[in-house]
N, C-alpha and C. Protein backbone atom coordinates (compact mmCIF):
# COMPACT_ATOMS: atom_id res chain seq x y z
N UNK A 1 -174.10 115.95 -45.80
CA UNK A 1 -174.75 116.37 -44.58
C UNK A 1 -176.25 116.33 -44.79
N UNK A 2 -176.95 115.76 -43.84
CA UNK A 2 -178.39 115.64 -43.93
C UNK A 2 -179.05 116.94 -43.47
N UNK A 3 -180.05 117.38 -44.23
CA UNK A 3 -180.77 118.60 -43.87
C UNK A 3 -182.12 118.24 -43.29
N UNK A 4 -182.53 119.03 -42.34
CA UNK A 4 -183.83 118.84 -41.70
C UNK A 4 -184.68 120.08 -41.90
N UNK A 5 -185.95 119.87 -42.21
CA UNK A 5 -186.87 120.99 -42.34
C UNK A 5 -187.51 121.23 -40.98
N UNK A 6 -187.63 122.49 -40.62
CA UNK A 6 -188.28 122.83 -39.36
C UNK A 6 -189.75 123.10 -39.61
N UNK A 7 -190.58 122.63 -38.71
CA UNK A 7 -192.01 122.93 -38.79
C UNK A 7 -192.22 124.38 -38.38
N UNK A 8 -193.39 124.91 -38.68
CA UNK A 8 -193.71 126.28 -38.28
C UNK A 8 -193.66 126.41 -36.76
N UNK A 9 -194.11 125.37 -36.07
CA UNK A 9 -194.08 125.38 -34.61
C UNK A 9 -192.64 125.44 -34.09
N UNK A 10 -191.75 124.69 -34.70
CA UNK A 10 -190.34 124.71 -34.29
C UNK A 10 -189.70 126.07 -34.57
N UNK A 11 -190.01 126.64 -35.72
CA UNK A 11 -189.48 127.97 -36.05
C UNK A 11 -189.99 129.00 -35.04
N UNK A 12 -191.26 128.88 -34.68
CA UNK A 12 -191.85 129.80 -33.70
C UNK A 12 -191.18 129.66 -32.34
N UNK A 13 -190.90 128.43 -31.93
CA UNK A 13 -190.23 128.19 -30.65
C UNK A 13 -188.84 128.79 -30.65
N UNK A 14 -188.11 128.60 -31.76
CA UNK A 14 -186.75 129.14 -31.85
C UNK A 14 -186.76 130.65 -31.80
N UNK A 15 -187.62 131.28 -32.59
CA UNK A 15 -187.64 132.74 -32.62
C UNK A 15 -188.11 133.31 -31.27
N UNK A 16 -189.11 132.69 -30.66
CA UNK A 16 -189.58 133.14 -29.34
C UNK A 16 -188.46 133.01 -28.32
N UNK A 17 -187.75 131.91 -28.36
CA UNK A 17 -186.62 131.71 -27.46
C UNK A 17 -185.56 132.79 -27.66
N UNK A 18 -185.17 133.03 -28.92
CA UNK A 18 -184.13 134.02 -29.19
C UNK A 18 -184.54 135.42 -28.74
N UNK A 19 -185.80 135.77 -28.97
CA UNK A 19 -186.27 137.09 -28.54
C UNK A 19 -186.33 137.21 -27.02
N UNK A 20 -186.41 136.08 -26.33
CA UNK A 20 -186.53 136.11 -24.87
C UNK A 20 -185.18 136.22 -24.15
N UNK A 21 -184.10 135.94 -24.84
CA UNK A 21 -182.77 135.96 -24.22
C UNK A 21 -182.19 137.37 -24.29
N UNK A 22 -181.78 137.88 -23.13
CA UNK A 22 -181.26 139.24 -23.08
C UNK A 22 -179.92 139.40 -23.77
N UNK A 23 -178.99 138.51 -23.49
CA UNK A 23 -177.66 138.54 -24.11
C UNK A 23 -177.41 137.22 -24.82
N UNK A 24 -177.15 137.29 -26.12
CA UNK A 24 -176.88 136.07 -26.89
C UNK A 24 -175.42 135.67 -26.75
N UNK A 25 -175.22 134.42 -26.38
CA UNK A 25 -173.88 133.85 -26.34
C UNK A 25 -173.69 132.93 -27.53
N UNK A 26 -172.69 132.08 -27.46
CA UNK A 26 -172.37 131.17 -28.57
C UNK A 26 -173.56 130.29 -28.92
N UNK A 27 -174.24 129.74 -27.92
CA UNK A 27 -175.37 128.84 -28.19
C UNK A 27 -176.44 129.53 -29.02
N UNK A 28 -176.84 130.73 -28.62
CA UNK A 28 -177.90 131.45 -29.34
C UNK A 28 -177.43 131.85 -30.74
N UNK A 29 -176.18 132.25 -30.85
CA UNK A 29 -175.65 132.62 -32.17
C UNK A 29 -175.63 131.42 -33.11
N UNK A 30 -175.18 130.29 -32.60
CA UNK A 30 -175.16 129.07 -33.44
C UNK A 30 -176.58 128.61 -33.78
N UNK A 31 -177.48 128.71 -32.83
CA UNK A 31 -178.88 128.33 -33.09
C UNK A 31 -179.45 129.18 -34.21
N UNK A 32 -179.25 130.48 -34.12
CA UNK A 32 -179.75 131.36 -35.17
C UNK A 32 -179.06 131.11 -36.51
N UNK A 33 -177.74 131.03 -36.48
CA UNK A 33 -176.99 130.80 -37.71
C UNK A 33 -177.45 129.52 -38.42
N UNK A 34 -177.67 128.47 -37.65
CA UNK A 34 -178.03 127.19 -38.24
C UNK A 34 -179.51 127.05 -38.59
N UNK A 35 -180.33 127.95 -38.10
CA UNK A 35 -181.76 127.87 -38.42
C UNK A 35 -182.24 129.02 -39.29
N UNK A 36 -181.42 130.02 -39.52
CA UNK A 36 -181.90 131.22 -40.21
C UNK A 36 -182.38 130.96 -41.64
N UNK A 37 -181.85 129.95 -42.29
CA UNK A 37 -182.28 129.65 -43.66
C UNK A 37 -183.75 129.23 -43.72
N UNK A 38 -184.30 128.83 -42.60
CA UNK A 38 -185.71 128.39 -42.58
C UNK A 38 -186.68 129.54 -42.34
N UNK A 39 -186.15 130.69 -41.91
CA UNK A 39 -187.00 131.82 -41.58
C UNK A 39 -187.31 132.66 -42.81
N UNK A 40 -188.45 133.36 -42.77
CA UNK A 40 -188.79 134.27 -43.85
C UNK A 40 -187.98 135.56 -43.68
N UNK A 41 -188.04 136.40 -44.68
CA UNK A 41 -187.22 137.62 -44.73
C UNK A 41 -187.53 138.54 -43.55
N UNK A 42 -188.80 138.68 -43.21
CA UNK A 42 -189.18 139.57 -42.12
C UNK A 42 -188.61 139.09 -40.79
N UNK A 43 -188.63 137.78 -40.56
CA UNK A 43 -188.09 137.24 -39.32
C UNK A 43 -186.57 137.40 -39.28
N UNK A 44 -185.91 137.21 -40.42
CA UNK A 44 -184.46 137.42 -40.48
C UNK A 44 -184.13 138.87 -40.18
N UNK A 45 -184.89 139.79 -40.71
CA UNK A 45 -184.68 141.20 -40.43
C UNK A 45 -184.83 141.47 -38.93
N UNK A 46 -185.91 140.98 -38.34
CA UNK A 46 -186.16 141.21 -36.91
C UNK A 46 -185.07 140.59 -36.05
N UNK A 47 -184.74 139.33 -36.32
CA UNK A 47 -183.73 138.65 -35.50
C UNK A 47 -182.33 139.25 -35.70
N UNK A 48 -182.01 139.62 -36.92
CA UNK A 48 -180.68 140.18 -37.18
C UNK A 48 -180.54 141.56 -36.54
N UNK A 49 -181.59 142.35 -36.55
CA UNK A 49 -181.55 143.64 -35.85
C UNK A 49 -181.46 143.41 -34.35
N UNK A 50 -182.22 142.45 -33.87
CA UNK A 50 -182.22 142.13 -32.44
C UNK A 50 -180.85 141.63 -32.00
N UNK A 51 -180.22 140.83 -32.85
CA UNK A 51 -178.89 140.30 -32.56
C UNK A 51 -177.92 141.43 -32.19
N UNK A 52 -178.02 142.55 -32.88
CA UNK A 52 -177.11 143.66 -32.64
C UNK A 52 -177.21 144.21 -31.23
N UNK A 53 -178.41 144.23 -30.68
CA UNK A 53 -178.56 144.74 -29.31
C UNK A 53 -178.35 143.66 -28.26
N UNK A 54 -178.45 142.40 -28.66
CA UNK A 54 -178.35 141.30 -27.69
C UNK A 54 -176.96 140.65 -27.64
N UNK A 55 -176.01 141.21 -28.36
CA UNK A 55 -174.67 140.62 -28.36
C UNK A 55 -173.60 141.62 -27.93
N UNK A 56 -174.01 142.79 -27.50
CA UNK A 56 -173.03 143.84 -27.19
C UNK A 56 -172.03 143.40 -26.13
N UNK A 57 -172.46 142.68 -25.12
CA UNK A 57 -171.58 142.25 -24.04
C UNK A 57 -170.55 141.23 -24.52
N UNK A 58 -170.96 140.31 -25.40
CA UNK A 58 -170.09 139.21 -25.83
C UNK A 58 -169.40 139.47 -27.16
N UNK A 59 -169.64 140.60 -27.78
CA UNK A 59 -169.11 140.90 -29.10
C UNK A 59 -167.58 140.93 -29.14
N UNK A 60 -166.96 141.20 -28.00
CA UNK A 60 -165.50 141.29 -27.96
C UNK A 60 -164.83 139.92 -27.98
N UNK A 61 -165.57 138.86 -27.71
CA UNK A 61 -165.03 137.50 -27.74
C UNK A 61 -164.87 137.10 -29.21
N UNK A 62 -163.66 136.75 -29.65
CA UNK A 62 -163.40 136.48 -31.08
C UNK A 62 -164.37 135.47 -31.72
N UNK A 63 -164.67 134.37 -31.05
CA UNK A 63 -165.57 133.37 -31.63
C UNK A 63 -166.97 133.97 -31.84
N UNK A 64 -167.46 134.69 -30.86
CA UNK A 64 -168.78 135.32 -30.98
C UNK A 64 -168.78 136.36 -32.10
N UNK A 65 -167.72 137.14 -32.14
CA UNK A 65 -167.59 138.19 -33.16
C UNK A 65 -167.67 137.59 -34.56
N UNK A 66 -166.96 136.50 -34.78
CA UNK A 66 -167.00 135.84 -36.10
C UNK A 66 -168.40 135.32 -36.41
N UNK A 67 -169.05 134.75 -35.42
CA UNK A 67 -170.42 134.25 -35.64
C UNK A 67 -171.36 135.40 -35.97
N UNK A 68 -171.24 136.49 -35.27
CA UNK A 68 -172.08 137.67 -35.53
C UNK A 68 -171.85 138.15 -36.97
N UNK A 69 -170.60 138.25 -37.36
CA UNK A 69 -170.29 138.71 -38.72
C UNK A 69 -170.86 137.75 -39.75
N UNK A 70 -170.72 136.46 -39.53
CA UNK A 70 -171.25 135.48 -40.49
C UNK A 70 -172.77 135.55 -40.58
N UNK A 71 -173.42 135.72 -39.45
CA UNK A 71 -174.89 135.86 -39.47
C UNK A 71 -175.27 137.10 -40.26
N UNK A 72 -174.59 138.20 -40.04
CA UNK A 72 -174.93 139.43 -40.76
C UNK A 72 -174.61 139.32 -42.25
N UNK A 73 -173.53 138.61 -42.59
CA UNK A 73 -173.24 138.37 -44.01
C UNK A 73 -174.33 137.52 -44.65
N UNK A 74 -174.80 136.51 -43.92
CA UNK A 74 -175.92 135.71 -44.42
C UNK A 74 -177.18 136.56 -44.57
N UNK A 75 -177.38 137.48 -43.63
CA UNK A 75 -178.54 138.38 -43.71
C UNK A 75 -178.44 139.24 -44.97
N UNK A 76 -177.27 139.78 -45.24
CA UNK A 76 -177.09 140.58 -46.46
C UNK A 76 -177.44 139.75 -47.69
N UNK A 77 -176.98 138.51 -47.71
CA UNK A 77 -177.27 137.63 -48.85
C UNK A 77 -178.77 137.42 -49.02
N UNK A 78 -179.48 137.22 -47.92
CA UNK A 78 -180.94 137.05 -47.97
C UNK A 78 -181.59 138.30 -48.55
N UNK A 79 -181.15 139.47 -48.10
CA UNK A 79 -181.74 140.70 -48.61
C UNK A 79 -181.40 140.94 -50.08
N UNK A 80 -180.20 140.55 -50.49
CA UNK A 80 -179.84 140.63 -51.91
C UNK A 80 -180.75 139.72 -52.74
N UNK A 81 -180.93 138.49 -52.28
CA UNK A 81 -181.76 137.52 -53.01
C UNK A 81 -183.21 137.98 -53.10
N UNK A 82 -183.66 138.76 -52.12
CA UNK A 82 -185.04 139.23 -52.09
C UNK A 82 -185.17 140.67 -52.58
N UNK A 83 -184.10 141.16 -53.22
CA UNK A 83 -184.09 142.49 -53.84
C UNK A 83 -184.36 143.61 -52.84
N UNK A 84 -183.99 143.42 -51.59
CA UNK A 84 -184.18 144.45 -50.59
C UNK A 84 -182.83 145.12 -50.32
N UNK A 85 -182.50 146.07 -51.18
CA UNK A 85 -181.20 146.72 -51.11
C UNK A 85 -181.09 147.64 -49.90
N UNK A 86 -182.20 148.15 -49.43
CA UNK A 86 -182.17 149.02 -48.25
C UNK A 86 -181.53 148.30 -47.07
N UNK A 87 -181.99 147.09 -46.79
CA UNK A 87 -181.45 146.36 -45.66
C UNK A 87 -180.11 145.70 -45.98
N UNK A 88 -179.88 145.37 -47.22
CA UNK A 88 -178.56 144.85 -47.60
C UNK A 88 -177.51 145.93 -47.33
N UNK A 89 -177.81 147.17 -47.70
CA UNK A 89 -176.87 148.27 -47.46
C UNK A 89 -176.75 148.58 -45.97
N UNK A 90 -177.85 148.50 -45.25
CA UNK A 90 -177.85 148.76 -43.80
C UNK A 90 -176.90 147.79 -43.08
N UNK A 91 -177.06 146.49 -43.35
CA UNK A 91 -176.22 145.50 -42.67
C UNK A 91 -174.79 145.52 -43.21
N UNK A 92 -174.61 145.92 -44.45
CA UNK A 92 -173.26 146.05 -45.00
C UNK A 92 -172.46 147.07 -44.19
N UNK A 93 -173.08 148.17 -43.84
CA UNK A 93 -172.39 149.20 -43.06
C UNK A 93 -172.02 148.69 -41.67
N UNK A 94 -172.88 147.90 -41.09
CA UNK A 94 -172.59 147.35 -39.76
C UNK A 94 -171.43 146.36 -39.84
N UNK A 95 -171.46 145.48 -40.82
CA UNK A 95 -170.37 144.50 -40.98
C UNK A 95 -169.06 145.22 -41.26
N UNK A 96 -169.11 146.26 -42.06
CA UNK A 96 -167.91 147.03 -42.38
C UNK A 96 -167.25 147.55 -41.10
N UNK A 97 -168.06 148.01 -40.15
CA UNK A 97 -167.54 148.50 -38.88
C UNK A 97 -166.97 147.37 -38.01
N UNK A 98 -167.56 146.19 -38.12
CA UNK A 98 -167.13 145.06 -37.29
C UNK A 98 -165.84 144.40 -37.78
N UNK A 99 -165.57 144.49 -39.08
CA UNK A 99 -164.41 143.81 -39.66
C UNK A 99 -163.14 144.63 -39.45
N UNK A 100 -162.46 144.35 -38.35
CA UNK A 100 -161.24 145.10 -38.07
C UNK A 100 -160.05 144.18 -37.80
N UNK A 101 -160.31 142.92 -37.62
CA UNK A 101 -159.26 141.96 -37.28
C UNK A 101 -158.69 141.34 -38.55
N UNK A 102 -157.38 141.40 -38.71
CA UNK A 102 -156.75 140.84 -39.91
C UNK A 102 -156.93 139.33 -40.02
N UNK A 103 -157.23 138.66 -38.93
CA UNK A 103 -157.40 137.21 -38.96
C UNK A 103 -158.77 136.79 -39.52
N UNK A 104 -159.63 137.74 -39.76
CA UNK A 104 -160.97 137.44 -40.28
C UNK A 104 -160.96 137.46 -41.81
N UNK A 105 -160.00 136.75 -42.39
CA UNK A 105 -159.80 136.78 -43.85
C UNK A 105 -161.01 136.18 -44.59
N UNK A 106 -161.57 135.08 -44.09
CA UNK A 106 -162.74 134.49 -44.75
C UNK A 106 -163.90 135.49 -44.73
N UNK A 107 -164.17 136.05 -43.57
CA UNK A 107 -165.28 137.00 -43.44
C UNK A 107 -165.05 138.23 -44.31
N UNK A 108 -163.81 138.72 -44.36
CA UNK A 108 -163.49 139.89 -45.19
C UNK A 108 -163.68 139.57 -46.67
N UNK A 109 -163.34 138.36 -47.07
CA UNK A 109 -163.49 137.98 -48.48
C UNK A 109 -164.96 137.86 -48.85
N UNK A 110 -165.75 137.24 -47.99
CA UNK A 110 -167.19 137.14 -48.25
C UNK A 110 -167.80 138.54 -48.24
N UNK A 111 -167.35 139.39 -47.33
CA UNK A 111 -167.83 140.77 -47.29
C UNK A 111 -167.50 141.49 -48.60
N UNK A 112 -166.30 141.30 -49.11
CA UNK A 112 -165.91 141.91 -50.38
C UNK A 112 -166.88 141.49 -51.49
N UNK A 113 -167.21 140.20 -51.52
CA UNK A 113 -168.13 139.70 -52.54
C UNK A 113 -169.53 140.30 -52.37
N UNK A 114 -170.07 140.22 -51.15
CA UNK A 114 -171.44 140.72 -50.93
C UNK A 114 -171.51 142.23 -51.12
N UNK A 115 -170.47 142.93 -50.72
CA UNK A 115 -170.44 144.37 -50.91
C UNK A 115 -170.41 144.70 -52.40
N UNK A 116 -169.67 143.92 -53.14
CA UNK A 116 -169.64 144.09 -54.60
C UNK A 116 -171.01 143.84 -55.22
N UNK A 117 -171.70 142.84 -54.70
CA UNK A 117 -173.05 142.55 -55.21
C UNK A 117 -174.00 143.71 -54.93
N UNK A 118 -173.91 144.28 -53.74
CA UNK A 118 -174.75 145.44 -53.41
C UNK A 118 -174.43 146.59 -54.37
N UNK A 119 -173.15 146.87 -54.54
CA UNK A 119 -172.76 147.96 -55.46
C UNK A 119 -173.25 147.66 -56.88
N UNK A 120 -173.10 146.43 -57.32
CA UNK A 120 -173.53 146.04 -58.66
C UNK A 120 -175.02 146.29 -58.84
N UNK A 121 -175.82 145.84 -57.88
CA UNK A 121 -177.28 146.02 -57.98
C UNK A 121 -177.69 147.48 -57.91
N UNK A 122 -176.85 148.29 -57.27
CA UNK A 122 -177.19 149.71 -57.08
C UNK A 122 -176.62 150.61 -58.16
N UNK A 123 -176.21 150.02 -59.28
CA UNK A 123 -175.80 150.82 -60.42
C UNK A 123 -174.31 151.00 -60.59
N UNK A 124 -173.52 150.60 -59.62
CA UNK A 124 -172.07 150.67 -59.73
C UNK A 124 -171.57 149.33 -60.25
N UNK A 125 -171.97 148.99 -61.46
CA UNK A 125 -171.75 147.64 -61.97
C UNK A 125 -170.28 147.29 -62.14
N UNK A 126 -169.47 148.16 -62.66
CA UNK A 126 -168.05 147.83 -62.86
C UNK A 126 -167.33 147.68 -61.52
N UNK A 127 -167.62 148.58 -60.60
CA UNK A 127 -167.02 148.49 -59.26
C UNK A 127 -167.46 147.19 -58.60
N UNK A 128 -168.74 146.90 -58.67
CA UNK A 128 -169.28 145.68 -58.08
C UNK A 128 -168.68 144.42 -58.67
N UNK A 129 -168.58 144.38 -60.00
CA UNK A 129 -167.97 143.22 -60.66
C UNK A 129 -166.53 143.02 -60.20
N UNK A 130 -165.78 144.12 -60.15
CA UNK A 130 -164.38 144.04 -59.73
C UNK A 130 -164.27 143.49 -58.31
N UNK A 131 -165.10 143.97 -57.41
CA UNK A 131 -165.06 143.48 -56.03
C UNK A 131 -165.39 141.99 -55.96
N UNK A 132 -166.43 141.59 -56.66
CA UNK A 132 -166.83 140.18 -56.63
C UNK A 132 -165.74 139.29 -57.22
N UNK A 133 -165.16 139.72 -58.35
CA UNK A 133 -164.10 138.93 -58.98
C UNK A 133 -162.84 138.91 -58.10
N UNK A 134 -162.56 140.01 -57.41
CA UNK A 134 -161.42 140.03 -56.48
C UNK A 134 -161.62 139.01 -55.36
N UNK A 135 -162.84 138.92 -54.84
CA UNK A 135 -163.13 137.95 -53.77
C UNK A 135 -162.93 136.53 -54.29
N UNK A 136 -163.40 136.26 -55.48
CA UNK A 136 -163.23 134.93 -56.09
C UNK A 136 -161.74 134.64 -56.25
N UNK A 137 -160.99 135.64 -56.68
CA UNK A 137 -159.55 135.48 -56.85
C UNK A 137 -158.86 135.15 -55.52
N UNK A 138 -159.28 135.79 -54.45
CA UNK A 138 -158.71 135.49 -53.13
C UNK A 138 -158.94 134.03 -52.78
N UNK A 139 -160.17 133.55 -53.01
CA UNK A 139 -160.45 132.14 -52.74
C UNK A 139 -159.59 131.23 -53.60
N UNK A 140 -159.40 131.59 -54.86
CA UNK A 140 -158.55 130.78 -55.75
C UNK A 140 -157.10 130.77 -55.28
N UNK A 141 -156.58 131.94 -54.98
CA UNK A 141 -155.17 132.07 -54.57
C UNK A 141 -154.90 131.31 -53.28
N UNK A 142 -155.87 131.31 -52.38
CA UNK A 142 -155.67 130.65 -51.09
C UNK A 142 -156.02 129.16 -51.13
N UNK A 143 -156.31 128.65 -52.32
CA UNK A 143 -156.57 127.22 -52.48
C UNK A 143 -157.96 126.78 -52.06
N UNK A 144 -158.86 127.71 -51.96
CA UNK A 144 -160.26 127.39 -51.60
C UNK A 144 -161.08 127.25 -52.88
N UNK A 145 -160.78 126.19 -53.64
CA UNK A 145 -161.39 126.05 -54.97
C UNK A 145 -162.90 125.84 -54.92
N UNK A 146 -163.41 125.14 -53.91
CA UNK A 146 -164.87 124.96 -53.81
C UNK A 146 -165.57 126.29 -53.56
N UNK A 147 -165.00 127.08 -52.66
CA UNK A 147 -165.57 128.41 -52.40
C UNK A 147 -165.50 129.27 -53.66
N UNK A 148 -164.36 129.22 -54.34
CA UNK A 148 -164.20 130.00 -55.58
C UNK A 148 -165.26 129.59 -56.60
N UNK A 149 -165.48 128.30 -56.77
CA UNK A 149 -166.49 127.82 -57.72
C UNK A 149 -167.89 128.27 -57.33
N UNK A 150 -168.22 128.15 -56.05
CA UNK A 150 -169.55 128.56 -55.58
C UNK A 150 -169.79 130.05 -55.79
N UNK A 151 -168.79 130.85 -55.47
CA UNK A 151 -168.95 132.29 -55.64
C UNK A 151 -168.92 132.69 -57.12
N UNK A 152 -168.23 131.93 -57.95
CA UNK A 152 -168.24 132.18 -59.39
C UNK A 152 -169.66 131.94 -59.94
N UNK A 153 -170.31 130.87 -59.46
CA UNK A 153 -171.71 130.62 -59.86
C UNK A 153 -172.61 131.77 -59.43
N UNK A 154 -172.42 132.22 -58.18
CA UNK A 154 -173.21 133.36 -57.69
C UNK A 154 -172.96 134.60 -58.55
N UNK A 155 -171.69 134.84 -58.86
CA UNK A 155 -171.32 135.97 -59.71
C UNK A 155 -172.05 135.90 -61.05
N UNK A 156 -172.00 134.74 -61.68
CA UNK A 156 -172.66 134.58 -62.99
C UNK A 156 -174.16 134.83 -62.89
N UNK A 157 -174.79 134.35 -61.82
CA UNK A 157 -176.24 134.57 -61.63
C UNK A 157 -176.54 136.05 -61.42
N UNK A 158 -175.71 136.71 -60.64
CA UNK A 158 -175.91 138.14 -60.37
C UNK A 158 -175.78 138.94 -61.66
N UNK A 159 -174.73 138.68 -62.42
CA UNK A 159 -174.47 139.45 -63.63
C UNK A 159 -175.54 139.20 -64.69
N UNK A 160 -175.95 137.97 -64.84
CA UNK A 160 -176.95 137.69 -65.89
C UNK A 160 -178.37 138.13 -65.49
N UNK A 161 -178.61 138.30 -64.19
CA UNK A 161 -179.94 138.68 -63.73
C UNK A 161 -180.10 140.16 -63.41
N UNK A 162 -179.22 140.99 -63.96
CA UNK A 162 -179.18 142.42 -63.64
C UNK A 162 -180.51 143.13 -63.79
N UNK A 163 -181.21 142.90 -64.87
CA UNK A 163 -182.42 143.68 -65.13
C UNK A 163 -183.53 143.42 -64.11
N UNK A 164 -183.44 142.33 -63.38
CA UNK A 164 -184.47 141.97 -62.41
C UNK A 164 -184.26 142.64 -61.06
N UNK A 165 -183.13 143.27 -60.87
CA UNK A 165 -182.79 143.80 -59.56
C UNK A 165 -182.70 145.32 -59.57
N UNK A 166 -182.96 145.89 -58.43
CA UNK A 166 -182.95 147.34 -58.34
C UNK A 166 -182.47 147.76 -56.96
N UNK A 167 -181.74 148.85 -56.91
CA UNK A 167 -181.24 149.37 -55.63
C UNK A 167 -182.33 150.07 -54.84
N UNK A 168 -183.37 150.47 -55.49
CA UNK A 168 -184.43 151.24 -54.81
C UNK A 168 -185.32 150.37 -53.95
N UNK A 169 -185.15 149.06 -54.00
CA UNK A 169 -186.01 148.18 -53.20
C UNK A 169 -185.78 148.38 -51.73
């Protein structure tokens, strides 16, 4: 898949557009999901918080709900990577409340991994490791070997980089 870099002007147009829409539907959710990797941490925080108030009407639609959860899981990952445990924990609690459908197995598995990473960084290392390894095991058992490999790499990076991270961030 070919990747495109967004200019600062394009990022500004996207964020201005998203902030201007009162209720986000599938289009806005997909736009944010597909462009969020280009935004800085502060913009992701602002847009992800905004998403919560701008999706209340459409949150009950299963497709929208899954997109919202995936965006918030990506947000947690960004905050973990930037050592901002305060917001990683904040969004973890929101995702925990949203995950109620048994059909959201992928989202629940990713949540298990990211939640384990948060716990690991916050001093609950054994609990965190167990959660992350359990998520990897789910991917292996369900035949998602590429996902299992990717999350195993993430696990190894998290565990070996412990001293650089702190829950107080």
